[in-house]
N, C-alpha and C. Protein backbone atom coordinates (compact mmCIF):
# COMPACT_ATOMS: atom_id res chain seq x y z
N MET A 1 117.22 259.51 225.87
CA MET A 1 116.77 258.52 224.88
C MET A 1 117.78 257.38 224.81
N ASN A 2 117.29 256.12 224.94
CA ASN A 2 118.23 255.00 224.89
C ASN A 2 118.66 254.73 223.46
N THR A 3 119.67 253.85 223.32
CA THR A 3 120.24 253.59 222.00
C THR A 3 119.22 253.02 221.03
N ALA A 4 118.39 252.11 221.49
CA ALA A 4 117.39 251.49 220.62
C ALA A 4 116.38 252.53 220.12
N ALA A 5 115.94 253.39 221.05
CA ALA A 5 114.98 254.42 220.69
C ALA A 5 115.59 255.42 219.71
N ALA A 6 116.86 255.76 219.95
CA ALA A 6 117.56 256.70 219.06
C ALA A 6 117.69 256.11 217.67
N GLY A 7 118.01 254.80 217.64
CA GLY A 7 118.14 254.12 216.36
C GLY A 7 116.83 254.09 215.60
N HIS A 8 115.74 253.83 216.32
CA HIS A 8 114.41 253.80 215.69
C HIS A 8 114.04 255.18 215.15
N SER A 9 114.36 256.21 215.93
CA SER A 9 114.07 257.58 215.53
C SER A 9 114.80 257.93 214.24
N GLU A 10 116.05 257.51 214.13
CA GLU A 10 116.86 257.79 212.94
C GLU A 10 116.28 257.06 211.73
N VAL A 11 115.95 255.80 211.89
CA VAL A 11 115.37 255.02 210.79
C VAL A 11 114.06 255.65 210.33
N GLN A 12 113.28 256.16 211.29
CA GLN A 12 112.02 256.81 210.96
C GLN A 12 112.26 258.06 210.08
N LYS A 13 113.30 258.82 210.40
CA LYS A 13 113.65 260.01 209.61
C LYS A 13 114.01 259.61 208.17
N LEU A 14 114.79 258.54 208.05
CA LEU A 14 115.20 258.08 206.73
C LEU A 14 113.99 257.59 205.93
N PHE A 15 113.09 256.92 206.63
CA PHE A 15 111.87 256.41 205.99
C PHE A 15 111.01 257.57 205.48
N GLU A 16 110.83 258.57 206.32
CA GLU A 16 110.00 259.73 205.96
C GLU A 16 110.60 260.50 204.78
N ALA A 17 111.93 260.45 204.66
CA ALA A 17 112.59 261.12 203.53
C ALA A 17 112.55 260.28 202.26
N GLY A 18 112.08 259.03 202.39
CA GLY A 18 111.96 258.16 201.21
C GLY A 18 113.22 257.43 200.81
N LEU A 19 114.15 257.28 201.74
CA LEU A 19 115.42 256.64 201.41
C LEU A 19 115.29 255.13 201.18
N HIS A 20 114.16 254.56 201.57
CA HIS A 20 113.98 253.10 201.51
C HIS A 20 113.61 252.58 200.12
N LEU A 21 113.21 253.45 199.22
CA LEU A 21 112.73 253.00 197.91
C LEU A 21 113.87 252.81 196.92
N GLY A 22 114.14 251.55 196.61
CA GLY A 22 115.21 251.23 195.66
C GLY A 22 114.67 251.02 194.26
N HIS A 23 115.44 250.31 193.44
CA HIS A 23 115.04 250.06 192.05
C HIS A 23 114.23 248.77 191.94
N LYS A 24 113.70 248.54 190.75
CA LYS A 24 112.92 247.32 190.51
C LYS A 24 113.81 246.10 190.66
N LYS A 25 113.17 244.98 190.93
CA LYS A 25 113.87 243.73 191.22
C LYS A 25 114.90 243.36 190.15
N ASN A 26 114.51 243.56 188.87
CA ASN A 26 115.41 243.15 187.78
C ASN A 26 116.59 244.09 187.57
N ARG A 27 116.64 245.19 188.33
CA ARG A 27 117.75 246.15 188.19
C ARG A 27 118.67 246.15 189.41
N ILE A 28 118.45 245.24 190.34
CA ILE A 28 119.28 245.21 191.55
C ILE A 28 120.68 244.68 191.22
N HIS A 29 121.70 245.42 191.64
CA HIS A 29 123.07 244.97 191.44
C HIS A 29 123.33 243.81 192.41
N PRO A 30 124.00 242.75 191.95
CA PRO A 30 124.26 241.58 192.82
C PRO A 30 124.86 241.95 194.18
N LYS A 31 125.76 242.94 194.20
CA LYS A 31 126.41 243.30 195.45
C LYS A 31 125.54 244.20 196.34
N ALA A 32 124.38 244.60 195.81
CA ALA A 32 123.48 245.42 196.61
C ALA A 32 122.36 244.58 197.24
N ARG A 33 122.29 243.31 196.85
CA ARG A 33 121.18 242.46 197.34
C ARG A 33 121.13 242.36 198.86
N LYS A 34 122.30 242.33 199.49
CA LYS A 34 122.33 242.16 200.94
C LYS A 34 121.78 243.37 201.68
N PHE A 35 121.58 244.47 200.97
CA PHE A 35 121.05 245.67 201.60
C PHE A 35 119.53 245.82 201.37
N VAL A 36 118.97 244.86 200.65
CA VAL A 36 117.54 244.89 200.36
C VAL A 36 116.78 244.13 201.45
N TYR A 37 115.84 244.80 202.08
CA TYR A 37 115.04 244.20 203.16
C TYR A 37 114.00 243.24 202.59
N ARG A 38 113.32 243.68 201.53
CA ARG A 38 112.34 242.83 200.86
C ARG A 38 111.99 243.44 199.50
N ILE A 39 111.25 242.67 198.71
CA ILE A 39 110.73 243.15 197.43
C ILE A 39 109.23 243.37 197.60
N GLU A 40 108.79 244.57 197.26
CA GLU A 40 107.38 244.90 197.43
C GLU A 40 106.82 245.41 196.10
N GLN A 41 105.88 244.67 195.55
CA GLN A 41 105.29 245.01 194.25
C GLN A 41 106.37 245.22 193.18
N GLY A 42 107.36 244.35 193.22
CA GLY A 42 108.43 244.37 192.23
C GLY A 42 109.53 245.39 192.48
N VAL A 43 109.40 246.15 193.57
CA VAL A 43 110.38 247.20 193.88
C VAL A 43 111.18 246.81 195.13
N SER A 44 112.49 247.04 195.08
CA SER A 44 113.33 246.71 196.23
C SER A 44 113.15 247.73 197.35
N ILE A 45 112.99 247.22 198.55
CA ILE A 45 112.88 248.06 199.74
C ILE A 45 114.19 247.94 200.52
N ILE A 46 114.88 249.05 200.66
CA ILE A 46 116.20 249.05 201.30
C ILE A 46 116.09 248.91 202.81
N ASP A 47 116.99 248.14 203.39
CA ASP A 47 117.04 247.96 204.85
C ASP A 47 117.62 249.22 205.49
N LEU A 48 116.76 250.05 206.04
CA LEU A 48 117.20 251.35 206.57
C LEU A 48 117.99 251.25 207.87
N THR A 49 117.96 250.11 208.52
CA THR A 49 118.80 249.96 209.71
C THR A 49 120.28 249.94 209.29
N ILE A 50 120.53 249.35 208.11
CA ILE A 50 121.90 249.34 207.57
C ILE A 50 122.25 250.73 207.05
N THR A 51 121.32 251.36 206.34
CA THR A 51 121.56 252.70 205.80
C THR A 51 121.88 253.69 206.91
N ALA A 52 121.16 253.57 208.03
CA ALA A 52 121.39 254.48 209.17
C ALA A 52 122.81 254.34 209.70
N GLU A 53 123.31 253.11 209.76
CA GLU A 53 124.68 252.88 210.22
C GLU A 53 125.70 253.42 209.22
N GLN A 54 125.42 253.22 207.95
CA GLN A 54 126.32 253.73 206.91
C GLN A 54 126.38 255.26 206.93
N LEU A 55 125.22 255.87 207.08
CA LEU A 55 125.16 257.33 207.13
C LEU A 55 125.91 257.87 208.34
N LYS A 56 125.76 257.19 209.45
CA LYS A 56 126.46 257.59 210.69
C LYS A 56 127.98 257.54 210.49
N LYS A 57 128.48 256.47 209.88
CA LYS A 57 129.92 256.33 209.63
C LYS A 57 130.41 257.42 208.67
N ALA A 58 129.63 257.67 207.63
CA ALA A 58 130.01 258.70 206.66
C ALA A 58 130.06 260.07 207.30
N GLU A 59 129.08 260.37 208.14
CA GLU A 59 129.03 261.67 208.82
C GLU A 59 130.20 261.83 209.77
N GLU A 60 130.52 260.78 210.50
CA GLU A 60 131.66 260.82 211.44
C GLU A 60 132.96 261.07 210.67
N PHE A 61 133.09 260.40 209.53
CA PHE A 61 134.29 260.58 208.69
C PHE A 61 134.37 262.02 208.18
N LEU A 62 133.28 262.54 207.67
CA LEU A 62 133.26 263.91 207.14
C LEU A 62 133.51 264.94 208.23
N ARG A 63 132.99 264.69 209.42
CA ARG A 63 133.24 265.61 210.55
C ARG A 63 134.72 265.66 210.88
N SER A 64 135.39 264.52 210.79
CA SER A 64 136.82 264.46 211.13
C SER A 64 137.67 265.24 210.13
N LEU A 65 137.18 265.41 208.91
CA LEU A 65 137.95 266.12 207.89
C LEU A 65 138.13 267.58 208.23
N LYS A 66 137.06 268.19 208.71
CA LYS A 66 137.09 269.61 209.01
C LYS A 66 138.12 269.91 210.08
N ALA A 67 138.16 269.05 211.08
CA ALA A 67 139.12 269.24 212.17
C ALA A 67 140.56 269.17 211.66
N GLU A 68 140.76 268.39 210.61
CA GLU A 68 142.10 268.23 210.04
C GLU A 68 142.34 269.18 208.86
N GLU A 69 141.37 270.07 208.62
CA GLU A 69 141.44 271.06 207.53
C GLU A 69 141.65 270.41 206.17
N LYS A 70 140.97 269.30 205.95
CA LYS A 70 141.05 268.61 204.67
C LYS A 70 139.94 269.08 203.75
N THR A 71 140.22 269.06 202.45
CA THR A 71 139.27 269.60 201.48
C THR A 71 138.35 268.53 200.91
N LEU A 72 137.13 268.97 200.61
CA LEU A 72 136.10 268.08 200.08
C LEU A 72 135.68 268.54 198.69
N LEU A 73 135.48 267.59 197.79
CA LEU A 73 134.92 267.87 196.47
C LEU A 73 133.61 267.10 196.37
N VAL A 74 132.51 267.81 196.08
CA VAL A 74 131.20 267.17 195.94
C VAL A 74 130.87 267.04 194.45
N VAL A 75 130.52 265.84 194.04
CA VAL A 75 130.18 265.59 192.64
C VAL A 75 128.72 265.15 192.55
N ALA A 76 127.91 265.97 191.88
CA ALA A 76 126.49 265.67 191.75
C ALA A 76 125.97 266.28 190.46
N THR A 77 125.95 265.50 189.40
CA THR A 77 125.54 266.04 188.11
C THR A 77 124.12 265.63 187.71
N LYS A 78 123.44 264.83 188.54
CA LYS A 78 122.07 264.47 188.20
C LYS A 78 121.14 265.61 188.63
N LYS A 79 120.09 265.82 187.84
CA LYS A 79 119.25 267.01 188.01
C LYS A 79 118.64 267.15 189.40
N VAL A 80 118.28 266.04 190.03
CA VAL A 80 117.63 266.14 191.34
C VAL A 80 118.58 266.62 192.43
N ALA A 81 119.89 266.63 192.14
CA ALA A 81 120.87 266.99 193.16
C ALA A 81 121.59 268.31 192.91
N THR A 82 121.62 268.75 191.66
CA THR A 82 122.50 269.87 191.31
C THR A 82 122.21 271.17 192.06
N ASP A 83 120.96 271.56 192.13
CA ASP A 83 120.64 272.85 192.77
C ASP A 83 121.01 272.86 194.24
N THR A 84 120.67 271.79 194.96
CA THR A 84 120.98 271.72 196.39
C THR A 84 122.48 271.76 196.63
N VAL A 85 123.22 270.98 195.85
CA VAL A 85 124.68 270.95 196.00
C VAL A 85 125.29 272.29 195.64
N ARG A 86 124.85 272.86 194.53
CA ARG A 86 125.40 274.15 194.08
C ARG A 86 125.20 275.23 195.14
N ASN A 87 124.01 275.29 195.71
CA ASN A 87 123.70 276.32 196.71
C ASN A 87 124.49 276.12 198.00
N LEU A 88 124.54 274.89 198.49
CA LEU A 88 125.27 274.61 199.73
C LEU A 88 126.77 274.78 199.55
N ALA A 89 127.27 274.34 198.41
CA ALA A 89 128.71 274.47 198.13
C ALA A 89 129.11 275.93 198.09
N LYS A 90 128.28 276.74 197.45
CA LYS A 90 128.57 278.17 197.36
C LYS A 90 128.50 278.82 198.74
N GLU A 91 127.51 278.44 199.51
CA GLU A 91 127.33 279.01 200.85
C GLU A 91 128.50 278.70 201.77
N HIS A 92 129.05 277.50 201.63
CA HIS A 92 130.11 277.07 202.56
C HIS A 92 131.50 276.98 201.92
N ASP A 93 131.66 277.56 200.73
CA ASP A 93 132.97 277.55 200.05
C ASP A 93 133.53 276.15 199.86
N ILE A 94 132.69 275.26 199.36
CA ILE A 94 133.10 273.88 199.09
C ILE A 94 133.18 273.68 197.58
N ALA A 95 134.22 273.02 197.12
CA ALA A 95 134.37 272.75 195.69
C ALA A 95 133.30 271.75 195.24
N SER A 96 132.79 271.96 194.02
CA SER A 96 131.74 271.06 193.53
C SER A 96 131.77 270.94 192.01
N VAL A 97 131.25 269.83 191.53
CA VAL A 97 131.02 269.60 190.11
C VAL A 97 129.54 269.28 189.97
N THR A 98 128.79 270.16 189.31
CA THR A 98 127.35 269.95 189.18
C THR A 98 126.87 269.97 187.73
N ASN A 99 127.80 270.17 186.80
CA ASN A 99 127.39 270.20 185.40
C ASN A 99 127.80 268.92 184.68
N LYS A 100 129.09 268.70 184.61
CA LYS A 100 129.62 267.53 183.92
C LYS A 100 130.99 267.21 184.49
N TRP A 101 131.24 265.92 184.69
CA TRP A 101 132.56 265.53 185.19
C TRP A 101 133.60 265.81 184.11
N LEU A 102 134.67 266.47 184.51
CA LEU A 102 135.74 266.82 183.57
C LEU A 102 136.80 265.71 183.58
N PRO A 103 136.93 264.96 182.49
CA PRO A 103 137.93 263.88 182.45
C PRO A 103 139.32 264.41 182.82
N GLY A 104 139.95 263.74 183.76
CA GLY A 104 141.29 264.14 184.17
C GLY A 104 141.30 265.12 185.33
N LEU A 105 140.13 265.45 185.87
CA LEU A 105 140.09 266.41 186.97
C LEU A 105 140.98 265.98 188.14
N LEU A 106 141.00 264.69 188.41
CA LEU A 106 141.84 264.20 189.51
C LEU A 106 143.14 263.58 189.02
N THR A 107 143.10 262.92 187.86
CA THR A 107 144.30 262.24 187.37
C THR A 107 145.21 263.16 186.55
N ASN A 108 144.67 264.30 186.12
CA ASN A 108 145.47 265.28 185.37
C ASN A 108 145.16 266.67 185.93
N PHE A 109 145.21 266.76 187.25
CA PHE A 109 144.74 267.92 187.98
C PHE A 109 145.39 269.24 187.55
N GLU A 110 146.69 269.24 187.39
CA GLU A 110 147.41 270.48 187.08
C GLU A 110 146.92 271.11 185.77
N THR A 111 146.63 270.27 184.79
CA THR A 111 146.15 270.79 183.50
C THR A 111 144.75 271.37 183.63
N ILE A 112 143.88 270.64 184.29
CA ILE A 112 142.49 271.09 184.46
C ILE A 112 142.43 272.39 185.24
N ILE A 113 143.24 272.49 186.28
CA ILE A 113 143.17 273.66 187.16
C ILE A 113 143.64 274.94 186.45
N LYS A 114 144.37 274.79 185.35
CA LYS A 114 144.79 275.97 184.57
C LYS A 114 143.57 276.71 184.03
N ASN A 115 142.53 275.96 183.67
CA ASN A 115 141.31 276.58 183.16
C ASN A 115 140.57 277.33 184.27
N VAL A 116 140.69 276.84 185.49
CA VAL A 116 140.09 277.52 186.64
C VAL A 116 140.79 278.87 186.84
N LYS A 117 142.12 278.83 186.72
CA LYS A 117 142.91 280.06 186.86
C LYS A 117 142.56 281.06 185.74
N LYS A 118 142.35 280.51 184.54
CA LYS A 118 141.99 281.35 183.40
C LYS A 118 140.66 282.04 183.65
N LEU A 119 139.71 281.30 184.21
CA LEU A 119 138.40 281.86 184.54
C LEU A 119 138.54 283.02 185.53
N GLU A 120 139.34 282.82 186.56
CA GLU A 120 139.54 283.86 187.57
C GLU A 120 140.23 285.09 186.97
N ASP A 121 141.20 284.85 186.08
CA ASP A 121 141.91 285.97 185.44
C ASP A 121 140.96 286.80 184.57
N LEU A 122 140.08 286.13 183.84
CA LEU A 122 139.13 286.83 182.97
C LEU A 122 138.13 287.65 183.79
N LYS A 123 137.74 287.10 184.93
CA LYS A 123 136.82 287.83 185.82
C LYS A 123 137.49 289.10 186.36
N GLU A 124 138.77 288.95 186.70
CA GLU A 124 139.52 290.10 187.21
C GLU A 124 139.69 291.16 186.11
N GLN A 125 139.88 290.70 184.89
CA GLN A 125 140.07 291.62 183.75
C GLN A 125 138.84 292.52 183.59
N LYS A 126 137.67 291.98 183.87
CA LYS A 126 136.45 292.77 183.74
C LYS A 126 136.39 293.93 184.74
N ASN A 127 137.19 293.80 185.79
CA ASN A 127 137.14 294.81 186.85
C ASN A 127 138.33 295.77 186.85
N ASP A 128 139.23 295.62 185.87
CA ASP A 128 140.36 296.56 185.84
C ASP A 128 140.26 297.52 184.65
N ASP A 129 141.20 298.41 184.54
CA ASP A 129 141.17 299.47 183.52
C ASP A 129 141.23 298.94 182.08
N SER A 130 141.88 297.80 181.90
CA SER A 130 142.05 297.26 180.55
C SER A 130 140.72 296.93 179.88
N TRP A 131 139.70 296.65 180.67
CA TRP A 131 138.38 296.30 180.15
C TRP A 131 137.79 297.44 179.31
N GLU A 132 138.00 298.67 179.79
CA GLU A 132 137.42 299.84 179.11
C GLU A 132 138.07 300.10 177.74
N LYS A 133 139.27 299.57 177.55
CA LYS A 133 139.99 299.79 176.29
C LYS A 133 139.56 298.81 175.19
N LEU A 134 138.80 297.81 175.57
CA LEU A 134 138.38 296.80 174.60
C LEU A 134 137.18 297.28 173.78
N THR A 135 137.07 296.73 172.57
CA THR A 135 135.91 297.06 171.74
C THR A 135 134.69 296.30 172.25
N LYS A 136 133.53 296.71 171.76
CA LYS A 136 132.28 296.05 172.16
C LYS A 136 132.30 294.57 171.79
N HIS A 137 132.83 294.25 170.62
CA HIS A 137 132.93 292.86 170.16
C HIS A 137 133.86 292.05 171.06
N GLU A 138 135.01 292.64 171.39
CA GLU A 138 135.98 291.94 172.26
C GLU A 138 135.37 291.66 173.63
N LYS A 139 134.65 292.64 174.15
CA LYS A 139 133.99 292.45 175.45
C LYS A 139 132.96 291.33 175.38
N SER A 140 132.22 291.31 174.30
CA SER A 140 131.19 290.28 174.11
C SER A 140 131.81 288.89 174.05
N GLN A 141 132.93 288.76 173.36
CA GLN A 141 133.62 287.47 173.24
C GLN A 141 134.13 286.99 174.60
N ILE A 142 134.67 287.92 175.37
CA ILE A 142 135.19 287.55 176.70
C ILE A 142 134.05 287.12 177.62
N VAL A 143 132.94 287.83 177.57
CA VAL A 143 131.79 287.49 178.40
C VAL A 143 131.29 286.08 178.07
N LYS A 144 131.25 285.77 176.76
CA LYS A 144 130.82 284.43 176.34
C LYS A 144 131.80 283.37 176.82
N HIS A 145 133.10 283.69 176.74
CA HIS A 145 134.13 282.75 177.17
C HIS A 145 134.04 282.51 178.68
N ILE A 146 133.80 283.56 179.43
CA ILE A 146 133.64 283.44 180.89
C ILE A 146 132.45 282.53 181.20
N ALA A 147 131.34 282.72 180.48
CA ALA A 147 130.14 281.91 180.71
C ALA A 147 130.42 280.43 180.46
N ARG A 148 131.18 280.14 179.38
CA ARG A 148 131.52 278.75 179.07
C ARG A 148 132.39 278.15 180.17
N LEU A 149 133.40 278.89 180.58
CA LEU A 149 134.30 278.40 181.63
C LEU A 149 133.56 278.26 182.97
N GLU A 150 132.69 279.20 183.24
CA GLU A 150 131.93 279.18 184.50
C GLU A 150 131.07 277.92 184.59
N ARG A 151 130.53 277.53 183.46
CA ARG A 151 129.65 276.36 183.42
C ARG A 151 130.37 275.11 183.90
N PHE A 152 131.61 274.95 183.47
CA PHE A 152 132.35 273.73 183.80
C PHE A 152 133.30 273.87 184.99
N TYR A 153 133.83 275.08 185.20
CA TYR A 153 134.87 275.25 186.21
C TYR A 153 134.48 276.15 187.38
N GLY A 154 133.28 276.74 187.30
CA GLY A 154 132.86 277.70 188.32
C GLY A 154 132.86 277.15 189.73
N GLY A 155 132.54 275.86 189.87
CA GLY A 155 132.48 275.26 191.21
C GLY A 155 133.83 274.85 191.76
N LEU A 156 134.89 275.05 190.97
CA LEU A 156 136.22 274.58 191.36
C LEU A 156 137.17 275.70 191.79
N THR A 157 136.67 276.92 191.85
CA THR A 157 137.56 278.05 192.15
C THR A 157 138.16 277.98 193.56
N LYS A 158 137.54 277.23 194.45
CA LYS A 158 138.08 277.09 195.81
C LYS A 158 139.08 275.95 195.92
N LEU A 159 139.27 275.24 194.81
CA LEU A 159 140.14 274.07 194.84
C LEU A 159 141.55 274.45 194.37
N THR A 160 142.45 274.63 195.32
CA THR A 160 143.82 275.03 194.98
C THR A 160 144.74 273.81 194.89
N ARG A 161 144.27 272.67 195.35
CA ARG A 161 145.02 271.42 195.26
C ARG A 161 144.02 270.28 195.15
N LYS A 162 144.52 269.09 194.91
CA LYS A 162 143.62 267.94 194.81
C LYS A 162 142.80 267.81 196.09
N PRO A 163 141.53 267.45 195.98
CA PRO A 163 140.73 267.27 197.19
C PRO A 163 141.23 266.07 198.00
N ASP A 164 140.97 266.12 199.28
CA ASP A 164 141.36 265.00 200.15
C ASP A 164 140.30 263.90 200.15
N VAL A 165 139.06 264.31 199.86
CA VAL A 165 137.94 263.37 199.84
C VAL A 165 136.95 263.79 198.76
N VAL A 166 136.32 262.81 198.13
CA VAL A 166 135.29 263.09 197.14
C VAL A 166 133.96 262.52 197.64
N LEU A 167 132.91 263.33 197.57
CA LEU A 167 131.56 262.89 197.91
C LEU A 167 130.76 262.85 196.61
N VAL A 168 130.21 261.68 196.27
CA VAL A 168 129.42 261.57 195.04
C VAL A 168 127.98 261.21 195.36
N ILE A 169 127.07 261.86 194.64
CA ILE A 169 125.66 261.54 194.76
C ILE A 169 125.29 260.72 193.53
N ASP A 170 125.08 259.43 193.75
CA ASP A 170 124.80 258.43 192.71
C ASP A 170 126.10 257.84 192.19
N VAL A 171 126.53 256.80 192.85
CA VAL A 171 127.78 256.10 192.51
C VAL A 171 127.79 255.62 191.07
N LYS A 172 126.63 255.14 190.59
CA LYS A 172 126.55 254.60 189.23
C LYS A 172 126.73 255.71 188.19
N LYS A 173 126.05 256.82 188.37
CA LYS A 173 126.14 257.93 187.41
C LYS A 173 127.53 258.56 187.42
N GLU A 174 128.14 258.65 188.59
CA GLU A 174 129.44 259.32 188.71
C GLU A 174 130.60 258.33 188.68
N THR A 175 130.46 257.31 187.84
CA THR A 175 131.49 256.27 187.74
C THR A 175 132.87 256.85 187.45
N ASN A 176 132.95 257.79 186.52
CA ASN A 176 134.25 258.36 186.13
C ASN A 176 134.94 259.06 187.30
N ALA A 177 134.15 259.76 188.10
CA ALA A 177 134.71 260.45 189.27
C ALA A 177 135.24 259.43 190.28
N VAL A 178 134.48 258.36 190.47
CA VAL A 178 134.88 257.32 191.41
C VAL A 178 136.16 256.64 190.95
N VAL A 179 136.23 256.32 189.67
CA VAL A 179 137.43 255.65 189.11
C VAL A 179 138.66 256.54 189.26
N GLU A 180 138.53 257.82 188.95
CA GLU A 180 139.67 258.73 189.07
C GLU A 180 140.10 258.91 190.52
N ALA A 181 139.14 258.97 191.41
CA ALA A 181 139.45 259.12 192.83
C ALA A 181 140.23 257.90 193.32
N ARG A 182 139.79 256.73 192.91
CA ARG A 182 140.47 255.50 193.33
C ARG A 182 141.89 255.45 192.77
N LYS A 183 142.06 255.86 191.51
CA LYS A 183 143.40 255.89 190.90
C LYS A 183 144.31 256.87 191.62
N SER A 184 143.70 257.93 192.15
CA SER A 184 144.47 258.97 192.83
C SER A 184 144.63 258.71 194.33
N GLY A 185 144.07 257.60 194.81
CA GLY A 185 144.17 257.26 196.22
C GLY A 185 143.34 258.17 197.12
N ILE A 186 142.26 258.72 196.57
CA ILE A 186 141.39 259.62 197.33
C ILE A 186 140.16 258.87 197.80
N PRO A 187 139.88 258.85 199.10
CA PRO A 187 138.69 258.15 199.59
C PRO A 187 137.40 258.77 199.09
N VAL A 188 136.39 257.91 198.89
CA VAL A 188 135.11 258.36 198.34
C VAL A 188 133.96 258.01 199.28
N VAL A 189 133.13 259.01 199.55
CA VAL A 189 131.86 258.80 200.23
C VAL A 189 130.82 258.83 199.12
N GLY A 190 129.98 257.80 199.02
CA GLY A 190 129.06 257.76 197.89
C GLY A 190 127.67 257.24 198.22
N VAL A 191 126.66 257.91 197.68
CA VAL A 191 125.29 257.44 197.78
C VAL A 191 125.08 256.45 196.65
N ALA A 192 124.69 255.22 197.01
CA ALA A 192 124.53 254.16 196.03
C ALA A 192 123.13 253.56 196.14
N ASP A 193 122.37 253.65 195.07
CA ASP A 193 121.05 253.02 195.03
C ASP A 193 121.24 251.53 194.80
N THR A 194 120.15 250.77 194.75
CA THR A 194 120.26 249.31 194.63
C THR A 194 120.70 248.85 193.24
N ASN A 195 120.82 249.77 192.29
CA ASN A 195 121.31 249.41 190.95
C ASN A 195 122.82 249.60 190.81
N ALA A 196 123.48 249.96 191.91
CA ALA A 196 124.92 250.24 191.88
C ALA A 196 125.69 249.27 192.78
N ASP A 197 127.00 249.23 192.56
CA ASP A 197 127.89 248.41 193.39
C ASP A 197 128.43 249.28 194.53
N PRO A 198 127.94 249.07 195.75
CA PRO A 198 128.39 249.90 196.88
C PRO A 198 129.85 249.66 197.26
N ASP A 199 130.41 248.55 196.81
CA ASP A 199 131.81 248.24 197.13
C ASP A 199 132.79 249.12 196.36
N GLU A 200 132.29 249.89 195.38
CA GLU A 200 133.14 250.76 194.60
C GLU A 200 133.68 251.95 195.41
N VAL A 201 133.01 252.26 196.52
CA VAL A 201 133.41 253.43 197.30
C VAL A 201 133.78 253.03 198.74
N ASP A 202 134.51 253.91 199.40
CA ASP A 202 135.01 253.61 200.75
C ASP A 202 133.93 253.71 201.81
N PHE A 203 133.06 254.71 201.65
CA PHE A 203 131.97 254.92 202.61
C PHE A 203 130.64 254.95 201.84
N PRO A 204 130.08 253.76 201.54
CA PRO A 204 128.82 253.72 200.79
C PRO A 204 127.62 254.00 201.69
N ILE A 205 126.62 254.64 201.10
CA ILE A 205 125.34 254.84 201.77
C ILE A 205 124.29 254.32 200.80
N VAL A 206 123.77 253.15 201.07
CA VAL A 206 122.78 252.55 200.17
C VAL A 206 121.43 253.18 200.45
N ALA A 207 120.95 253.93 199.46
CA ALA A 207 119.70 254.68 199.64
C ALA A 207 119.16 255.13 198.29
N ASN A 208 117.91 255.50 198.28
CA ASN A 208 117.25 256.07 197.10
C ASN A 208 118.00 257.33 196.65
N ASP A 209 118.48 257.32 195.41
CA ASP A 209 119.19 258.51 194.91
C ASP A 209 118.47 259.14 193.72
N ASP A 210 117.17 258.83 193.60
CA ASP A 210 116.38 259.37 192.49
C ASP A 210 115.32 260.37 192.94
N SER A 211 114.86 260.23 194.16
CA SER A 211 113.82 261.14 194.67
C SER A 211 114.44 262.46 195.13
N PRO A 212 113.90 263.61 194.68
CA PRO A 212 114.43 264.91 195.12
C PRO A 212 114.46 265.05 196.63
N LYS A 213 113.41 264.59 197.30
CA LYS A 213 113.33 264.70 198.75
C LYS A 213 114.42 263.88 199.43
N ALA A 214 114.62 262.64 198.96
CA ALA A 214 115.63 261.77 199.54
C ALA A 214 117.04 262.32 199.30
N VAL A 215 117.28 262.76 198.08
CA VAL A 215 118.60 263.29 197.73
C VAL A 215 118.91 264.55 198.51
N GLU A 216 117.95 265.45 198.62
CA GLU A 216 118.17 266.69 199.38
C GLU A 216 118.46 266.39 200.84
N PHE A 217 117.73 265.42 201.40
CA PHE A 217 117.95 265.01 202.79
C PHE A 217 119.39 264.56 203.00
N LEU A 218 119.87 263.69 202.12
CA LEU A 218 121.23 263.15 202.24
C LEU A 218 122.29 264.22 202.05
N ILE A 219 122.10 265.07 201.05
CA ILE A 219 123.08 266.13 200.80
C ILE A 219 123.18 267.06 202.00
N GLN A 220 122.03 267.45 202.54
CA GLN A 220 122.01 268.33 203.71
C GLN A 220 122.75 267.70 204.88
N ARG A 221 122.49 266.42 205.13
CA ARG A 221 123.13 265.72 206.26
C ARG A 221 124.63 265.61 206.06
N LEU A 222 125.05 265.22 204.88
CA LEU A 222 126.48 264.97 204.64
C LEU A 222 127.30 266.26 204.59
N ILE A 223 126.80 267.26 203.91
CA ILE A 223 127.55 268.52 203.84
C ILE A 223 127.56 269.23 205.19
N THR A 224 126.45 269.15 205.91
CA THR A 224 126.40 269.73 207.26
C THR A 224 127.41 269.07 208.18
N ALA A 225 127.56 267.75 208.06
CA ALA A 225 128.55 267.03 208.88
C ALA A 225 129.95 267.56 208.61
N TYR A 226 130.27 267.78 207.34
CA TYR A 226 131.59 268.28 206.97
C TYR A 226 131.77 269.72 207.47
N VAL A 227 130.77 270.55 207.25
CA VAL A 227 130.88 271.98 207.61
C VAL A 227 131.01 272.18 209.10
N LYS A 228 130.22 271.46 209.87
CA LYS A 228 130.23 271.64 211.32
C LYS A 228 131.39 270.95 212.00
N GLY A 229 131.96 269.96 211.30
CA GLY A 229 133.12 269.28 211.88
C GLY A 229 132.76 268.58 213.16
């Protein structure tokens, strides 16, 4: 297959996944205008030839991380992305945030990670002899505490140090994660719809980040690139 044909094939895949559908004309971010191919019935249509190049660069970057044994943190708290990220992250032992961004996760890492350690310690307590010595009420309180910690810190148990790279699904929604990553000097790969500023991240992928099909397609491609190296 020649380069032109390969490029067309890739754009076709992105089109079939619905990556071309952006936001309405009045919601386009000024810095995203150059990625809009045209406006159709008031809706921005993303130029998928550009998206294909951006995705290729992001995948190449993520593949290089694995070879260098660098860690990835995936941030995806919007409902259309959480299940896919949670399942893939668990399957491949990748750190993730799928419930709520924890302020200070990157800028105050040592403090936040103490809660992760606490979660692991409580889980271990349930499996040792000391558990049997507790009253029913004490056991109930610990179980509730574990559930609370699991909700916010469960995806971070594989993170023993600051991540080397952060992947965000929806640059606009995950603004706090992007800001902290930039303050910490951590590169960011980010999916940015036409309502977001793609310049906020190092490796932007301008694409539909609202459709479940489009989001799942992107998550699968990006995490697979990292996992396979």
